[in-house]
Protein backbone atom coordinates (compact mmCIF):
# COMPACT_ATOMS: atom_id res chain seq x y z
CA UNK A 1 28.07 -3.08 4.04
CA UNK A 2 26.51 -0.08 2.38
CA UNK A 3 25.30 -2.19 -0.58
CA UNK A 4 23.91 -4.80 1.54
CA UNK A 5 21.74 -2.09 3.63
CA UNK A 6 20.34 -0.81 0.27
CA UNK A 7 19.20 -4.32 -0.95
CA UNK A 8 17.73 -4.76 2.45
CA UNK A 9 15.79 -1.34 2.19
CA UNK A 10 14.96 -1.92 -1.11
CA UNK A 11 13.30 -5.39 -0.47
CA UNK A 12 11.77 -4.48 2.79
CA UNK A 13 9.83 -1.38 0.94
CA UNK A 14 8.42 -3.46 -1.64
CA UNK A 15 7.38 -6.21 0.74
CA UNK A 16 6.18 -4.02 3.51
CA UNK A 17 3.78 -2.10 1.27
CA UNK A 18 1.29 -4.84 0.29
CA UNK A 19 1.46 -6.48 3.65
CA UNK A 20 0.53 -3.20 5.32
CA UNK A 21 -2.24 -2.81 2.84
CA UNK A 22 -3.45 -6.27 3.81
CA UNK A 23 -3.34 -5.58 7.53
CA UNK A 24 -5.36 -2.44 6.94
CA UNK A 25 -8.07 -4.78 5.35
CA UNK A 26 -7.61 -3.81 1.62
CA UNK A 27 -7.62 -7.62 0.64
CA UNK A 28 -7.74 -9.62 -2.48
CA UNK A 29 -11.21 -10.24 -1.87
CA UNK A 30 -12.60 -6.91 -1.18
CA UNK A 31 -12.32 -4.80 2.06
CA UNK A 32 -12.23 -7.14 5.53
CA UNK A 33 -15.13 -6.36 7.78
CA UNK A 34 -14.42 -4.21 10.94
CA UNK A 35 -11.14 -3.27 9.31
CA UNK A 36 -9.52 0.31 9.40
CA UNK A 37 -10.23 0.02 5.43
CA UNK A 38 -13.94 -0.74 6.36
CA UNK A 39 -13.96 2.50 8.18
CA UNK A 40 -12.23 4.75 5.55
CA UNK A 41 -14.84 3.10 3.06
CA UNK A 42 -17.90 4.36 5.20
CA UNK A 43 -16.48 7.75 5.65
CA UNK A 44 -15.85 8.22 2.25
CA UNK A 45 -18.99 6.89 1.22
CA UNK A 46 -20.93 9.08 3.74
CA UNK A 47 -19.01 12.28 2.55
CA UNK A 48 -19.73 11.35 -0.98
CA UNK A 49 -23.68 10.79 -0.53
CA UNK A 50 -23.43 6.98 -0.32
CA UNK A 51 -20.82 5.89 -2.94
CA UNK A 52 -16.92 5.78 -2.87
CA UNK A 53 -15.59 7.79 -5.74
CA UNK A 54 -13.69 6.18 -8.60
CA UNK A 55 -9.95 7.13 -7.95
CA UNK A 56 -10.37 7.98 -4.60
CA UNK A 57 -7.94 7.08 -1.94
CA UNK A 58 -10.18 4.01 -0.87
CA UNK A 59 -10.80 2.86 -4.21
CA UNK A 60 -6.95 3.01 -5.23
CA UNK A 61 -5.78 1.41 -2.14
CA UNK A 62 -8.61 -1.23 -2.47
CA UNK A 63 -7.53 -1.84 -6.18
CA UNK A 64 -3.88 -2.09 -5.00
CA UNK A 65 -4.82 -4.84 -2.31
CA UNK A 66 -6.88 -6.57 -4.95
CA UNK A 67 -4.36 -6.81 -7.72
CA UNK A 68 -1.01 -5.88 -6.17
CA UNK A 69 1.53 -3.00 -7.10
CA UNK A 70 2.25 -2.20 -10.53
CA UNK A 71 5.96 -3.15 -11.80
CA UNK A 72 6.86 0.65 -12.13
CA UNK A 73 5.48 1.41 -8.54
CA UNK A 74 7.48 -1.53 -7.28
CA UNK A 75 10.85 -0.07 -8.96
CA UNK A 76 10.00 3.35 -7.35
CA UNK A 77 9.33 1.67 -4.01
CA UNK A 78 12.57 -0.56 -4.17
CA UNK A 79 14.58 2.40 -5.35
CA UNK A 80 13.42 4.75 -2.46
CA UNK A 81 13.68 2.13 0.17
CA UNK A 82 17.21 1.11 -1.36
CA UNK A 83 18.20 4.88 -0.58
CA UNK A 84 16.98 5.01 2.78
CA UNK A 85 18.56 1.54 3.59
CA UNK A 86 21.84 2.95 2.23
CA UNK A 87 21.62 6.40 4.25
CA UNK A 88 20.92 4.63 7.48
CA UNK A 89 24.47 2.93 7.16
């Protein structure tokens, strides 16, 4: 049963991250209007004198929202999710 929980935990972790980013407004077509992402982008732009710095949290999350997570990041998320799932048993 622990193995099943580990698999479920891994799948949930890999699936939930992109869904959460999309729900926050980081989409493949850009930052959604009136979203949490839009508010984050506005705050970052104000803090940086009108622009969003490359490599900032907002820029990174938008990049992930647009192109998805890298294979290595998916492996890490899956591993952590599997460990958490196994521990919950």
